[in-house]
Amino acid sequence: DIPHREFVKGKMYPGLAMSRAIGDTVGSSVGVIPDPDVTEVSLDSSHQFFTVCSDGVWEFISSQEAIDVIAKKARKGVQEATEQLAYEAWRRWVAEEENVVD
């Protein structure tokens, strides 16, 4: 999959398979945008929680599945829920791609 990655000309880095990487100053020299997309959302008492995850999670876990995992644990189990979410994304990544080098 190397032709679909961003590299510094003549080098084998950074090798990013994305067009945006927050704060990546090396990648920005080859066209990777280091500035995040930002969306402002007003939270109120009807919002029980919100999630912020990288593409490494969202590529393998649907939004609904993430909500279901976190909602089951409630406030007292949020650390366990986030670890479960990250582990499940990692497990699926390894199953699909046989490694997690990206």
Protein backbone atom coordinates (compact mmCIF):
# COMPACT_ATOMS: atom_id res chain seq x y z
CA ASP A 1 0.00 0.00 0.00
CA ILE A 2 3.00 2.33 -0.15
CA PRO A 3 1.81 4.35 -3.21
CA HIS A 4 -1.12 5.62 -1.09
CA ARG A 5 1.06 7.11 1.64
CA GLU A 6 2.68 10.52 2.05
CA PHE A 7 6.50 10.48 2.13
CA VAL A 8 9.21 13.11 2.10
CA LYS A 9 10.69 12.99 -1.43
CA GLY A 10 13.42 10.33 -1.56
CA LYS A 11 12.81 9.21 2.06
CA MET A 12 10.79 6.46 3.73
CA TYR A 13 9.13 8.78 6.28
CA PRO A 14 6.65 9.82 7.55
CA GLY A 15 4.68 7.28 5.45
CA LEU A 16 1.28 8.55 6.51
CA ALA A 17 -1.83 6.97 5.01
CA MET A 18 -3.90 10.08 5.67
CA SER A 19 -4.15 13.68 4.57
CA ARG A 20 -4.44 15.18 8.05
CA ALA A 21 -2.31 14.62 11.14
CA ILE A 22 -2.74 17.04 14.04
CA GLY A 23 0.52 18.82 14.81
CA ASP A 24 2.60 16.83 12.32
CA THR A 25 5.27 19.28 11.17
CA VAL A 26 7.22 16.74 9.07
CA GLY A 27 4.12 15.53 7.25
CA SER A 28 3.09 19.11 6.52
CA SER A 29 6.17 19.44 4.31
CA VAL A 30 4.68 16.84 1.94
CA GLY A 31 1.08 18.05 1.95
CA VAL A 32 -0.34 16.57 5.14
CA ILE A 33 -2.49 19.18 6.87
CA PRO A 34 -1.57 19.56 10.58
CA ASP A 35 -4.66 21.61 11.50
CA PRO A 36 -7.67 19.72 12.89
CA ASP A 37 -11.25 20.14 11.76
CA VAL A 38 -13.08 21.68 14.70
CA THR A 39 -16.78 21.43 15.39
CA GLU A 40 -18.32 23.22 18.34
CA VAL A 41 -21.19 21.45 20.07
CA SER A 42 -23.22 22.84 22.96
CA LEU A 43 -23.64 20.24 25.69
CA ASP A 44 -26.59 20.18 28.03
CA SER A 45 -27.96 17.89 30.73
CA SER A 46 -29.34 15.47 28.14
CA HIS A 47 -25.81 14.58 27.05
CA GLN A 48 -24.50 11.79 29.26
CA PHE A 49 -21.00 11.72 27.72
CA PHE A 50 -19.06 12.43 24.56
CA THR A 51 -16.27 10.52 22.87
CA VAL A 52 -13.10 11.67 21.18
CA CYS A 53 -11.19 8.96 19.34
CA SER A 54 -8.61 8.74 16.59
CA ASP A 55 -9.15 7.15 13.21
CA GLY A 56 -7.57 3.99 14.64
CA VAL A 57 -10.79 3.51 16.61
CA TRP A 58 -13.32 4.91 14.13
CA GLU A 59 -12.00 2.75 11.30
CA PHE A 60 -13.06 -0.38 13.17
CA ILE A 61 -15.77 0.71 15.65
CA SER A 62 -19.02 2.36 14.61
CA SER A 63 -20.30 5.41 16.49
CA GLN A 64 -23.25 3.40 17.77
CA GLU A 65 -21.03 0.58 18.99
CA ALA A 66 -18.81 3.07 20.85
CA ILE A 67 -21.88 4.63 22.48
CA ASP A 68 -23.16 1.20 23.51
CA VAL A 69 -19.82 0.19 25.09
CA ILE A 70 -19.47 3.42 27.05
CA ALA A 71 -23.13 3.67 28.09
CA LYS A 72 -23.00 0.19 29.67
CA LYS A 73 -20.28 1.29 32.10
CA ALA A 74 -21.80 4.61 33.15
CA ARG A 75 -19.68 7.15 35.04
CA LYS A 76 -18.03 4.74 37.44
CA GLY A 77 -16.63 2.54 34.67
CA VAL A 78 -15.58 5.10 32.08
CA GLN A 79 -11.87 4.15 32.25
CA GLU A 80 -12.71 0.48 31.77
CA ALA A 81 -15.05 1.36 28.90
CA THR A 82 -12.42 3.42 27.08
CA GLU A 83 -9.86 0.65 27.53
CA GLN A 84 -12.38 -1.88 26.19
CA LEU A 85 -13.09 0.35 23.18
CA ALA A 86 -9.38 0.82 22.40
CA TYR A 87 -8.66 -2.89 22.86
CA GLU A 88 -11.53 -3.94 20.59
CA ALA A 89 -10.39 -1.52 17.85
CA TRP A 90 -6.82 -2.85 18.18
CA ARG A 91 -8.03 -6.48 18.06
CA ARG A 92 -10.02 -5.85 14.88
CA TRP A 93 -7.13 -3.93 13.31
CA VAL A 94 -4.75 -6.85 13.90
CA ALA A 95 -7.34 -9.34 12.62
CA GLU A 96 -7.86 -7.35 9.41
CA GLU A 97 -4.33 -6.14 8.69
CA GLU A 98 -2.18 -8.61 10.71
CA ASN A 99 -0.31 -5.73 12.38
CA VAL A 100 -0.89 -2.21 13.64
CA VAL A 101 1.92 -0.43 11.81
CA ASP A 102 0.29 2.51 10.07
